[in-house]
Amino acid sequence: NVSGLLGTASLGIIFYHLWLQKEYY
């Protein structure tokens, strides 16, 4: 639960920057 929550939060930030850089794949 805790690891998943922290990992998801970190991934959320990564998702945002991948979208900004058009790394859609």
mmCIF file of all heavy atoms, coordinates in Angstrom:
data_MODEL
# 
_entry.id   MODEL 
# 
loop_
_atom_site.group_PDB 
_atom_site.id 
_atom_site.type_symbol 
_atom_site.label_atom_id 
_atom_site.label_alt_id 
_atom_site.label_comp_id 
_atom_site.label_asym_id 
_atom_site.label_entity_id 
_atom_site.label_seq_id 
_atom_site.pdbx_PDB_ins_code 
_atom_site.Cartn_x 
_atom_site.Cartn_y 
_atom_site.Cartn_z 
_atom_site.occupancy 
_atom_site.B_iso_or_equiv 
_atom_site.pdbx_formal_charge 
_atom_site.auth_seq_id 
_atom_site.auth_comp_id 
_atom_site.auth_asym_id 
_atom_site.auth_atom_id 
_atom_site.pdbx_PDB_model_num 
ATOM 1   N N   . ASN A 1 1  ? 0.824  -1.216 0.000   1.00 0.00 ? 1  ASN A N   1 
ATOM 2   C CA  . ASN A 1 1  ? 0.000  0.000  0.000   1.00 0.00 ? 1  ASN A CA  1 
ATOM 3   C C   . ASN A 1 1  ? 0.856  1.264  0.000   1.00 0.00 ? 1  ASN A C   1 
ATOM 4   O O   . ASN A 1 1  ? 0.648  2.181  -0.807  1.00 0.00 ? 1  ASN A O   1 
ATOM 5   C CB  . ASN A 1 1  ? -0.938 0.003  1.200   1.00 0.00 ? 1  ASN A CB  1 
ATOM 6   C CG  . ASN A 1 1  ? -2.009 -1.059 1.104   1.00 0.00 ? 1  ASN A CG  1 
ATOM 7   O OD1 . ASN A 1 1  ? -2.365 -1.496 0.012   1.00 0.00 ? 1  ASN A OD1 1 
ATOM 8   N ND2 . ASN A 1 1  ? -2.524 -1.500 2.233   1.00 0.00 ? 1  ASN A ND2 1 
ATOM 9   N N   . VAL A 1 2  ? 1.824  1.327  0.917   1.00 0.00 ? 2  VAL A N   1 
ATOM 10  C CA  . VAL A 1 2  ? 2.647  2.532  1.039   1.00 0.00 ? 2  VAL A CA  1 
ATOM 11  C C   . VAL A 1 2  ? 3.574  2.679  -0.165  1.00 0.00 ? 2  VAL A C   1 
ATOM 12  O O   . VAL A 1 2  ? 3.693  3.763  -0.750  1.00 0.00 ? 2  VAL A O   1 
ATOM 13  C CB  . VAL A 1 2  ? 3.471  2.502  2.343   1.00 0.00 ? 2  VAL A CB  1 
ATOM 14  C CG1 . VAL A 1 2  ? 4.388  3.721  2.419   1.00 0.00 ? 2  VAL A CG1 1 
ATOM 15  C CG2 . VAL A 1 2  ? 2.543  2.456  3.553   1.00 0.00 ? 2  VAL A CG2 1 
ATOM 16  N N   . SER A 1 3  ? 4.223  1.596  -0.540  1.00 0.00 ? 3  SER A N   1 
ATOM 17  C CA  . SER A 1 3  ? 5.122  1.634  -1.696  1.00 0.00 ? 3  SER A CA  1 
ATOM 18  C C   . SER A 1 3  ? 4.365  1.999  -2.968  1.00 0.00 ? 3  SER A C   1 
ATOM 19  O O   . SER A 1 3  ? 4.844  2.807  -3.776  1.00 0.00 ? 3  SER A O   1 
ATOM 20  C CB  . SER A 1 3  ? 5.803  0.272  -1.865  1.00 0.00 ? 3  SER A CB  1 
ATOM 21  O OG  . SER A 1 3  ? 6.602  0.246  -3.027  1.00 0.00 ? 3  SER A OG  1 
ATOM 22  N N   . GLY A 1 4  ? 3.179  1.414  -3.145  1.00 0.00 ? 4  GLY A N   1 
ATOM 23  C CA  . GLY A 1 4  ? 2.375  1.715  -4.319  1.00 0.00 ? 4  GLY A CA  1 
ATOM 24  C C   . GLY A 1 4  ? 1.949  3.166  -4.380  1.00 0.00 ? 4  GLY A C   1 
ATOM 25  O O   . GLY A 1 4  ? 1.968  3.792  -5.451  1.00 0.00 ? 4  GLY A O   1 
ATOM 26  N N   . LEU A 1 5  ? 1.583  3.727  -3.223  1.00 0.00 ? 5  LEU A N   1 
ATOM 27  C CA  . LEU A 1 5  ? 1.162  5.127  -3.173  1.00 0.00 ? 5  LEU A CA  1 
ATOM 28  C C   . LEU A 1 5  ? 2.312  6.064  -3.524  1.00 0.00 ? 5  LEU A C   1 
ATOM 29  O O   . LEU A 1 5  ? 2.156  6.988  -4.339  1.00 0.00 ? 5  LEU A O   1 
ATOM 30  C CB  . LEU A 1 5  ? 0.626  5.453  -1.776  1.00 0.00 ? 5  LEU A CB  1 
ATOM 31  C CG  . LEU A 1 5  ? 0.139  6.887  -1.548  1.00 0.00 ? 5  LEU A CG  1 
ATOM 32  C CD1 . LEU A 1 5  ? -1.039 7.198  -2.461  1.00 0.00 ? 5  LEU A CD1 1 
ATOM 33  C CD2 . LEU A 1 5  ? -0.254 7.089  -0.084  1.00 0.00 ? 5  LEU A CD2 1 
ATOM 34  N N   . LEU A 1 6  ? 3.479  5.824  -2.937  1.00 0.00 ? 6  LEU A N   1 
ATOM 35  C CA  . LEU A 1 6  ? 4.642  6.673  -3.207  1.00 0.00 ? 6  LEU A CA  1 
ATOM 36  C C   . LEU A 1 6  ? 5.088  6.537  -4.664  1.00 0.00 ? 6  LEU A C   1 
ATOM 37  O O   . LEU A 1 6  ? 5.416  7.538  -5.311  1.00 0.00 ? 6  LEU A O   1 
ATOM 38  C CB  . LEU A 1 6  ? 5.785  6.290  -2.269  1.00 0.00 ? 6  LEU A CB  1 
ATOM 39  C CG  . LEU A 1 6  ? 5.565  6.525  -0.772  1.00 0.00 ? 6  LEU A CG  1 
ATOM 40  C CD1 . LEU A 1 6  ? 6.769  6.045  0.024   1.00 0.00 ? 6  LEU A CD1 1 
ATOM 41  C CD2 . LEU A 1 6  ? 5.286  7.994  -0.487  1.00 0.00 ? 6  LEU A CD2 1 
ATOM 42  N N   . GLY A 1 7  ? 5.102  5.293  -5.155  1.00 0.00 ? 7  GLY A N   1 
ATOM 43  C CA  . GLY A 1 7  ? 5.501  5.068  -6.543  1.00 0.00 ? 7  GLY A CA  1 
ATOM 44  C C   . GLY A 1 7  ? 4.556  5.721  -7.530  1.00 0.00 ? 7  GLY A C   1 
ATOM 45  O O   . GLY A 1 7  ? 4.988  6.291  -8.544  1.00 0.00 ? 7  GLY A O   1 
ATOM 46  N N   . THR A 1 8  ? 3.255  5.665  -7.234  1.00 0.00 ? 8  THR A N   1 
ATOM 47  C CA  . THR A 1 8  ? 2.259  6.280  -8.111  1.00 0.00 ? 8  THR A CA  1 
ATOM 48  C C   . THR A 1 8  ? 2.415  7.796  -8.148  1.00 0.00 ? 8  THR A C   1 
ATOM 49  O O   . THR A 1 8  ? 2.294  8.426  -9.211  1.00 0.00 ? 8  THR A O   1 
ATOM 50  C CB  . THR A 1 8  ? 0.842  5.921  -7.649  1.00 0.00 ? 8  THR A CB  1 
ATOM 51  O OG1 . THR A 1 8  ? 0.675  4.500  -7.688  1.00 0.00 ? 8  THR A OG1 1 
ATOM 52  C CG2 . THR A 1 8  ? -0.210 6.570  -8.541  1.00 0.00 ? 8  THR A CG2 1 
ATOM 53  N N   . ALA A 1 9  ? 2.713  8.387  -6.991  1.00 0.00 ? 9  ALA A N   1 
ATOM 54  C CA  . ALA A 1 9  ? 2.923  9.839  -6.930  1.00 0.00 ? 9  ALA A CA  1 
ATOM 55  C C   . ALA A 1 9  ? 4.134  10.241 -7.775  1.00 0.00 ? 9  ALA A C   1 
ATOM 56  O O   . ALA A 1 9  ? 4.094  11.225 -8.531  1.00 0.00 ? 9  ALA A O   1 
ATOM 57  C CB  . ALA A 1 9  ? 3.122  10.273 -5.486  1.00 0.00 ? 9  ALA A CB  1 
ATOM 58  N N   . SER A 1 10 ? 5.213  9.455  -7.666  1.00 0.00 ? 10 SER A N   1 
ATOM 59  C CA  . SER A 1 10 ? 6.408  9.736  -8.457  1.00 0.00 ? 10 SER A CA  1 
ATOM 60  C C   . SER A 1 10 ? 6.131  9.556  -9.946  1.00 0.00 ? 10 SER A C   1 
ATOM 61  O O   . SER A 1 10 ? 6.557  10.372 -10.775 1.00 0.00 ? 10 SER A O   1 
ATOM 62  C CB  . SER A 1 10 ? 7.543  8.807  -8.018  1.00 0.00 ? 10 SER A CB  1 
ATOM 63  O OG  . SER A 1 10 ? 8.738  9.094  -8.699  1.00 0.00 ? 10 SER A OG  1 
ATOM 64  N N   . LEU A 1 11 ? 5.406  8.509  -10.291 1.00 0.00 ? 11 LEU A N   1 
ATOM 65  C CA  . LEU A 1 11 ? 5.059  8.264  -11.692 1.00 0.00 ? 11 LEU A CA  1 
ATOM 66  C C   . LEU A 1 11 ? 4.178  9.376  -12.248 1.00 0.00 ? 11 LEU A C   1 
ATOM 67  O O   . LEU A 1 11 ? 4.283  9.730  -13.422 1.00 0.00 ? 11 LEU A O   1 
ATOM 68  C CB  . LEU A 1 11 ? 4.349  6.922  -11.830 1.00 0.00 ? 11 LEU A CB  1 
ATOM 69  C CG  . LEU A 1 11 ? 5.223  5.670  -11.770 1.00 0.00 ? 11 LEU A CG  1 
ATOM 70  C CD1 . LEU A 1 11 ? 4.354  4.424  -11.733 1.00 0.00 ? 11 LEU A CD1 1 
ATOM 71  C CD2 . LEU A 1 11 ? 6.175  5.621  -12.961 1.00 0.00 ? 11 LEU A CD2 1 
ATOM 72  N N   . GLY A 1 12 ? 3.294  9.918  -11.403 1.00 0.00 ? 12 GLY A N   1 
ATOM 73  C CA  . GLY A 1 12 ? 2.430  10.996 -11.851 1.00 0.00 ? 12 GLY A CA  1 
ATOM 74  C C   . GLY A 1 12 ? 3.233  12.194 -12.340 1.00 0.00 ? 12 GLY A C   1 
ATOM 75  O O   . GLY A 1 12 ? 2.908  12.809 -13.378 1.00 0.00 ? 12 GLY A O   1 
ATOM 76  N N   . ILE A 1 13 ? 4.304  12.519 -11.616 1.00 0.00 ? 13 ILE A N   1 
ATOM 77  C CA  . ILE A 1 13 ? 5.169  13.633 -12.028 1.00 0.00 ? 13 ILE A CA  1 
ATOM 78  C C   . ILE A 1 13 ? 5.892  13.284 -13.328 1.00 0.00 ? 13 ILE A C   1 
ATOM 79  O O   . ILE A 1 13 ? 6.026  14.122 -14.234 1.00 0.00 ? 13 ILE A O   1 
ATOM 80  C CB  . ILE A 1 13 ? 6.191  13.950 -10.918 1.00 0.00 ? 13 ILE A CB  1 
ATOM 81  C CG1 . ILE A 1 13 ? 5.465  14.328 -9.617  1.00 0.00 ? 13 ILE A CG1 1 
ATOM 82  C CG2 . ILE A 1 13 ? 7.111  15.095 -11.357 1.00 0.00 ? 13 ILE A CG2 1 
ATOM 83  C CD1 . ILE A 1 13 ? 6.392  14.501 -8.428  1.00 0.00 ? 13 ILE A CD1 1 
ATOM 84  N N   . ILE A 1 14 ? 6.338  12.033 -13.426 1.00 0.00 ? 14 ILE A N   1 
ATOM 85  C CA  . ILE A 1 14 ? 7.021  11.583 -14.642 1.00 0.00 ? 14 ILE A CA  1 
ATOM 86  C C   . ILE A 1 14 ? 6.068  11.615 -15.838 1.00 0.00 ? 14 ILE A C   1 
ATOM 87  O O   . ILE A 1 14 ? 6.439  12.043 -16.936 1.00 0.00 ? 14 ILE A O   1 
ATOM 88  C CB  . ILE A 1 14 ? 7.592  10.163 -14.444 1.00 0.00 ? 14 ILE A CB  1 
ATOM 89  C CG1 . ILE A 1 14 ? 8.733  10.193 -13.424 1.00 0.00 ? 14 ILE A CG1 1 
ATOM 90  C CG2 . ILE A 1 14 ? 8.082  9.593  -15.772 1.00 0.00 ? 14 ILE A CG2 1 
ATOM 91  C CD1 . ILE A 1 14 ? 9.249  8.824  -13.034 1.00 0.00 ? 14 ILE A CD1 1 
ATOM 92  N N   . PHE A 1 15 ? 4.818  11.176 -15.627 1.00 0.00 ? 15 PHE A N   1 
ATOM 93  C CA  . PHE A 1 15 ? 3.812  11.200 -16.695 1.00 0.00 ? 15 PHE A CA  1 
ATOM 94  C C   . PHE A 1 15 ? 3.661  12.615 -17.257 1.00 0.00 ? 15 PHE A C   1 
ATOM 95  O O   . PHE A 1 15 ? 3.594  12.808 -18.480 1.00 0.00 ? 15 PHE A O   1 
ATOM 96  C CB  . PHE A 1 15 ? 2.458  10.728 -16.172 1.00 0.00 ? 15 PHE A CB  1 
ATOM 97  C CG  . PHE A 1 15 ? 2.389  9.263  -15.854 1.00 0.00 ? 15 PHE A CG  1 
ATOM 98  C CD1 . PHE A 1 15 ? 1.257  8.735  -15.256 1.00 0.00 ? 15 PHE A CD1 1 
ATOM 99  C CD2 . PHE A 1 15 ? 3.440  8.412  -16.150 1.00 0.00 ? 15 PHE A CD2 1 
ATOM 100 C CE1 . PHE A 1 15 ? 1.175  7.396  -14.957 1.00 0.00 ? 15 PHE A CE1 1 
ATOM 101 C CE2 . PHE A 1 15 ? 3.371  7.064  -15.856 1.00 0.00 ? 15 PHE A CE2 1 
ATOM 102 C CZ  . PHE A 1 15 ? 2.231  6.552  -15.266 1.00 0.00 ? 15 PHE A CZ  1 
ATOM 103 N N   . TYR A 1 16 ? 3.567  13.566 -16.357 1.00 0.00 ? 16 TYR A N   1 
ATOM 104 C CA  . TYR A 1 16 ? 3.372  14.958 -16.757 1.00 0.00 ? 16 TYR A CA  1 
ATOM 105 C C   . TYR A 1 16 ? 4.509  15.433 -17.654 1.00 0.00 ? 16 TYR A C   1 
ATOM 106 O O   . TYR A 1 16 ? 4.270  16.074 -18.695 1.00 0.00 ? 16 TYR A O   1 
ATOM 107 C CB  . TYR A 1 16 ? 3.280  15.834 -15.505 1.00 0.00 ? 16 TYR A CB  1 
ATOM 108 C CG  . TYR A 1 16 ? 3.268  17.323 -15.786 1.00 0.00 ? 16 TYR A CG  1 
ATOM 109 C CD1 . TYR A 1 16 ? 2.181  17.917 -16.432 1.00 0.00 ? 16 TYR A CD1 1 
ATOM 110 C CD2 . TYR A 1 16 ? 4.344  18.117 -15.401 1.00 0.00 ? 16 TYR A CD2 1 
ATOM 111 C CE1 . TYR A 1 16 ? 2.170  19.284 -16.686 1.00 0.00 ? 16 TYR A CE1 1 
ATOM 112 C CE2 . TYR A 1 16 ? 4.340  19.481 -15.655 1.00 0.00 ? 16 TYR A CE2 1 
ATOM 113 C CZ  . TYR A 1 16 ? 3.249  20.052 -16.293 1.00 0.00 ? 16 TYR A CZ  1 
ATOM 114 O OH  . TYR A 1 16 ? 3.253  21.406 -16.547 1.00 0.00 ? 16 TYR A OH  1 
ATOM 115 N N   . HIS A 1 17 ? 5.741  15.096 -17.294 1.00 0.00 ? 17 HIS A N   1 
ATOM 116 C CA  . HIS A 1 17 ? 6.891  15.539 -18.088 1.00 0.00 ? 17 HIS A CA  1 
ATOM 117 C C   . HIS A 1 17 ? 7.041  14.745 -19.381 1.00 0.00 ? 17 HIS A C   1 
ATOM 118 O O   . HIS A 1 17 ? 7.506  15.289 -20.397 1.00 0.00 ? 17 HIS A O   1 
ATOM 119 C CB  . HIS A 1 17 ? 8.164  15.451 -17.243 1.00 0.00 ? 17 HIS A CB  1 
ATOM 120 C CG  . HIS A 1 17 ? 8.257  16.505 -16.195 1.00 0.00 ? 17 HIS A CG  1 
ATOM 121 N ND1 . HIS A 1 17 ? 7.622  16.408 -14.967 1.00 0.00 ? 17 HIS A ND1 1 
ATOM 122 C CD2 . HIS A 1 17 ? 8.889  17.716 -16.199 1.00 0.00 ? 17 HIS A CD2 1 
ATOM 123 C CE1 . HIS A 1 17 ? 7.873  17.496 -14.264 1.00 0.00 ? 17 HIS A CE1 1 
ATOM 124 N NE2 . HIS A 1 17 ? 8.641  18.301 -14.973 1.00 0.00 ? 17 HIS A NE2 1 
ATOM 125 N N   . LEU A 1 18 ? 6.651  13.480 -19.375 1.00 0.00 ? 18 LEU A N   1 
ATOM 126 C CA  . LEU A 1 18 ? 6.654  12.716 -20.627 1.00 0.00 ? 18 LEU A CA  1 
ATOM 127 C C   . LEU A 1 18 ? 5.654  13.313 -21.609 1.00 0.00 ? 18 LEU A C   1 
ATOM 128 O O   . LEU A 1 18 ? 5.910  13.398 -22.816 1.00 0.00 ? 18 LEU A O   1 
ATOM 129 C CB  . LEU A 1 18 ? 6.299  11.247 -20.353 1.00 0.00 ? 18 LEU A CB  1 
ATOM 130 C CG  . LEU A 1 18 ? 7.375  10.398 -19.669 1.00 0.00 ? 18 LEU A CG  1 
ATOM 131 C CD1 . LEU A 1 18 ? 6.822  9.013  -19.355 1.00 0.00 ? 18 LEU A CD1 1 
ATOM 132 C CD2 . LEU A 1 18 ? 8.625  10.279 -20.542 1.00 0.00 ? 18 LEU A CD2 1 
ATOM 133 N N   . TRP A 1 19 ? 4.519  13.738 -21.092 1.00 0.00 ? 19 TRP A N   1 
ATOM 134 C CA  . TRP A 1 19 ? 3.496  14.378 -21.930 1.00 0.00 ? 19 TRP A CA  1 
ATOM 135 C C   . TRP A 1 19 ? 4.009  15.710 -22.471 1.00 0.00 ? 19 TRP A C   1 
ATOM 136 O O   . TRP A 1 19 ? 3.816  16.017 -23.661 1.00 0.00 ? 19 TRP A O   1 
ATOM 137 C CB  . TRP A 1 19 ? 2.226  14.584 -21.119 1.00 0.00 ? 19 TRP A CB  1 
ATOM 138 C CG  . TRP A 1 19 ? 1.149  15.304 -21.871 1.00 0.00 ? 19 TRP A CG  1 
ATOM 139 C CD1 . TRP A 1 19 ? 0.367  14.822 -22.876 1.00 0.00 ? 19 TRP A CD1 1 
ATOM 140 C CD2 . TRP A 1 19 ? 0.741  16.668 -21.678 1.00 0.00 ? 19 TRP A CD2 1 
ATOM 141 N NE1 . TRP A 1 19 ? -0.502 15.789 -23.329 1.00 0.00 ? 19 TRP A NE1 1 
ATOM 142 C CE2 . TRP A 1 19 ? -0.297 16.931 -22.612 1.00 0.00 ? 19 TRP A CE2 1 
ATOM 143 C CE3 . TRP A 1 19 ? 1.146  17.679 -20.807 1.00 0.00 ? 19 TRP A CE3 1 
ATOM 144 C CZ2 . TRP A 1 19 ? -0.922 18.171 -22.690 1.00 0.00 ? 19 TRP A CZ2 1 
ATOM 145 C CZ3 . TRP A 1 19 ? 0.527  18.923 -20.883 1.00 0.00 ? 19 TRP A CZ3 1 
ATOM 146 C CH2 . TRP A 1 19 ? -0.497 19.153 -21.827 1.00 0.00 ? 19 TRP A CH2 1 
ATOM 147 N N   . LEU A 1 20 ? 4.682  16.494 -21.643 1.00 0.00 ? 20 LEU A N   1 
ATOM 148 C CA  . LEU A 1 20 ? 5.220  17.774 -22.085 1.00 0.00 ? 20 LEU A CA  1 
ATOM 149 C C   . LEU A 1 20 ? 6.232  17.582 -23.207 1.00 0.00 ? 20 LEU A C   1 
ATOM 150 O O   . LEU A 1 20 ? 6.311  18.397 -24.136 1.00 0.00 ? 20 LEU A O   1 
ATOM 151 C CB  . LEU A 1 20 ? 5.890  18.502 -20.911 1.00 0.00 ? 20 LEU A CB  1 
ATOM 152 C CG  . LEU A 1 20 ? 4.985  19.142 -19.862 1.00 0.00 ? 20 LEU A CG  1 
ATOM 153 C CD1 . LEU A 1 20 ? 5.831  19.807 -18.782 1.00 0.00 ? 20 LEU A CD1 1 
ATOM 154 C CD2 . LEU A 1 20 ? 4.024  20.156 -20.485 1.00 0.00 ? 20 LEU A CD2 1 
ATOM 155 N N   . GLN A 1 21 ? 7.007  16.506 -23.131 1.00 0.00 ? 21 GLN A N   1 
ATOM 156 C CA  . GLN A 1 21 ? 8.040  16.259 -24.133 1.00 0.00 ? 21 GLN A CA  1 
ATOM 157 C C   . GLN A 1 21 ? 7.543  15.363 -25.267 1.00 0.00 ? 21 GLN A C   1 
ATOM 158 O O   . GLN A 1 21 ? 8.326  14.914 -26.095 1.00 0.00 ? 21 GLN A O   1 
ATOM 159 C CB  . GLN A 1 21 ? 9.270  15.649 -23.461 1.00 0.00 ? 21 GLN A CB  1 
ATOM 160 C CG  . GLN A 1 21 ? 9.862  16.568 -22.398 1.00 0.00 ? 21 GLN A CG  1 
ATOM 161 C CD  . GLN A 1 21 ? 11.320 16.276 -22.114 1.00 0.00 ? 21 GLN A CD  1 
ATOM 162 O OE1 . GLN A 1 21 ? 12.007 15.647 -22.914 1.00 0.00 ? 21 GLN A OE1 1 
ATOM 163 N NE2 . GLN A 1 21 ? 11.805 16.752 -20.985 1.00 0.00 ? 21 GLN A NE2 1 
ATOM 164 N N   . LYS A 1 22 ? 6.239  15.111 -25.286 1.00 0.00 ? 22 LYS A N   1 
ATOM 165 C CA  . LYS A 1 22 ? 5.591  14.353 -26.354 1.00 0.00 ? 22 LYS A CA  1 
ATOM 166 C C   . LYS A 1 22 ? 6.167  12.940 -26.504 1.00 0.00 ? 22 LYS A C   1 
ATOM 167 O O   . LYS A 1 22 ? 6.233  12.400 -27.608 1.00 0.00 ? 22 LYS A O   1 
ATOM 168 C CB  . LYS A 1 22 ? 5.694  15.107 -27.682 1.00 0.00 ? 22 LYS A CB  1 
ATOM 169 C CG  . LYS A 1 22 ? 5.000  16.474 -27.652 1.00 0.00 ? 22 LYS A CG  1 
ATOM 170 C CD  . LYS A 1 22 ? 5.093  17.169 -28.997 1.00 0.00 ? 22 LYS A CD  1 
ATOM 171 C CE  . LYS A 1 22 ? 4.381  18.528 -28.949 1.00 0.00 ? 22 LYS A CE  1 
ATOM 172 N NZ  . LYS A 1 22 ? 4.443  19.236 -30.248 1.00 0.00 ? 22 LYS A NZ  1 
ATOM 173 N N   . GLU A 1 23 ? 6.551  12.370 -25.380 1.00 0.00 ? 23 GLU A N   1 
ATOM 174 C CA  . GLU A 1 23 ? 7.011  10.979 -25.361 1.00 0.00 ? 23 GLU A CA  1 
ATOM 175 C C   . GLU A 1 23 ? 5.792  10.090 -25.118 1.00 0.00 ? 23 GLU A C   1 
ATOM 176 O O   . GLU A 1 23 ? 5.660  9.439  -24.077 1.00 0.00 ? 23 GLU A O   1 
ATOM 177 C CB  . GLU A 1 23 ? 8.076  10.788 -24.276 1.00 0.00 ? 23 GLU A CB  1 
ATOM 178 C CG  . GLU A 1 23 ? 9.437  11.291 -24.664 1.00 0.00 ? 23 GLU A CG  1 
ATOM 179 C CD  . GLU A 1 23 ? 9.993  10.534 -25.865 1.00 0.00 ? 23 GLU A CD  1 
ATOM 180 O OE1 . GLU A 1 23 ? 9.809  9.311  -25.930 1.00 0.00 ? 23 GLU A OE1 1 
ATOM 181 O OE2 . GLU A 1 23 ? 10.617 11.180 -26.726 1.00 0.00 ? 23 GLU A OE2 1 
ATOM 182 N N   . TYR A 1 24 ? 4.918  10.047 -26.092 1.00 0.00 ? 24 TYR A N   1 
ATOM 183 C CA  . TYR A 1 24 ? 3.627  9.414  -25.911 1.00 0.00 ? 24 TYR A CA  1 
ATOM 184 C C   . TYR A 1 24 ? 3.719  7.888  -25.774 1.00 0.00 ? 24 TYR A C   1 
ATOM 185 O O   . TYR A 1 24 ? 2.930  7.289  -25.052 1.00 0.00 ? 24 TYR A O   1 
ATOM 186 C CB  . TYR A 1 24 ? 2.698  9.779  -27.077 1.00 0.00 ? 24 TYR A CB  1 
ATOM 187 C CG  . TYR A 1 24 ? 2.440  11.265 -27.177 1.00 0.00 ? 24 TYR A CG  1 
ATOM 188 C CD1 . TYR A 1 24 ? 2.649  11.949 -28.374 1.00 0.00 ? 24 TYR A CD1 1 
ATOM 189 C CD2 . TYR A 1 24 ? 2.006  11.995 -26.075 1.00 0.00 ? 24 TYR A CD2 1 
ATOM 190 C CE1 . TYR A 1 24 ? 2.423  13.320 -28.473 1.00 0.00 ? 24 TYR A CE1 1 
ATOM 191 C CE2 . TYR A 1 24 ? 1.775  13.357 -26.165 1.00 0.00 ? 24 TYR A CE2 1 
ATOM 192 C CZ  . TYR A 1 24 ? 1.983  14.008 -27.359 1.00 0.00 ? 24 TYR A CZ  1 
ATOM 193 O OH  . TYR A 1 24 ? 1.767  15.362 -27.449 1.00 0.00 ? 24 TYR A OH  1 
ATOM 194 N N   . TYR A 1 25 ? 4.675  7.268  -26.454 1.00 0.00 ? 25 TYR A N   1 
ATOM 195 C CA  . TYR A 1 25 ? 4.792  5.816  -26.365 1.00 0.00 ? 25 TYR A CA  1 
ATOM 196 C C   . TYR A 1 25 ? 5.169  5.393  -24.943 1.00 0.00 ? 25 TYR A C   1 
ATOM 197 O O   . TYR A 1 25 ? 4.561  4.483  -24.366 1.00 0.00 ? 25 TYR A O   1 
ATOM 198 C CB  . TYR A 1 25 ? 5.838  5.307  -27.356 1.00 0.00 ? 25 TYR A CB  1 
ATOM 199 C CG  . TYR A 1 25 ? 6.022  3.805  -27.299 1.00 0.00 ? 25 TYR A CG  1 
ATOM 200 C CD1 . TYR A 1 25 ? 5.068  2.948  -27.841 1.00 0.00 ? 25 TYR A CD1 1 
ATOM 201 C CD2 . TYR A 1 25 ? 7.141  3.248  -26.690 1.00 0.00 ? 25 TYR A CD2 1 
ATOM 202 C CE1 . TYR A 1 25 ? 5.219  1.576  -27.784 1.00 0.00 ? 25 TYR A CE1 1 
ATOM 203 C CE2 . TYR A 1 25 ? 7.313  1.876  -26.630 1.00 0.00 ? 25 TYR A CE2 1 
ATOM 204 C CZ  . TYR A 1 25 ? 6.346  1.044  -27.177 1.00 0.00 ? 25 TYR A CZ  1 
ATOM 205 O OH  . TYR A 1 25 ? 6.501  -0.309 -27.100 1.00 0.00 ? 25 TYR A OH  1 
# 
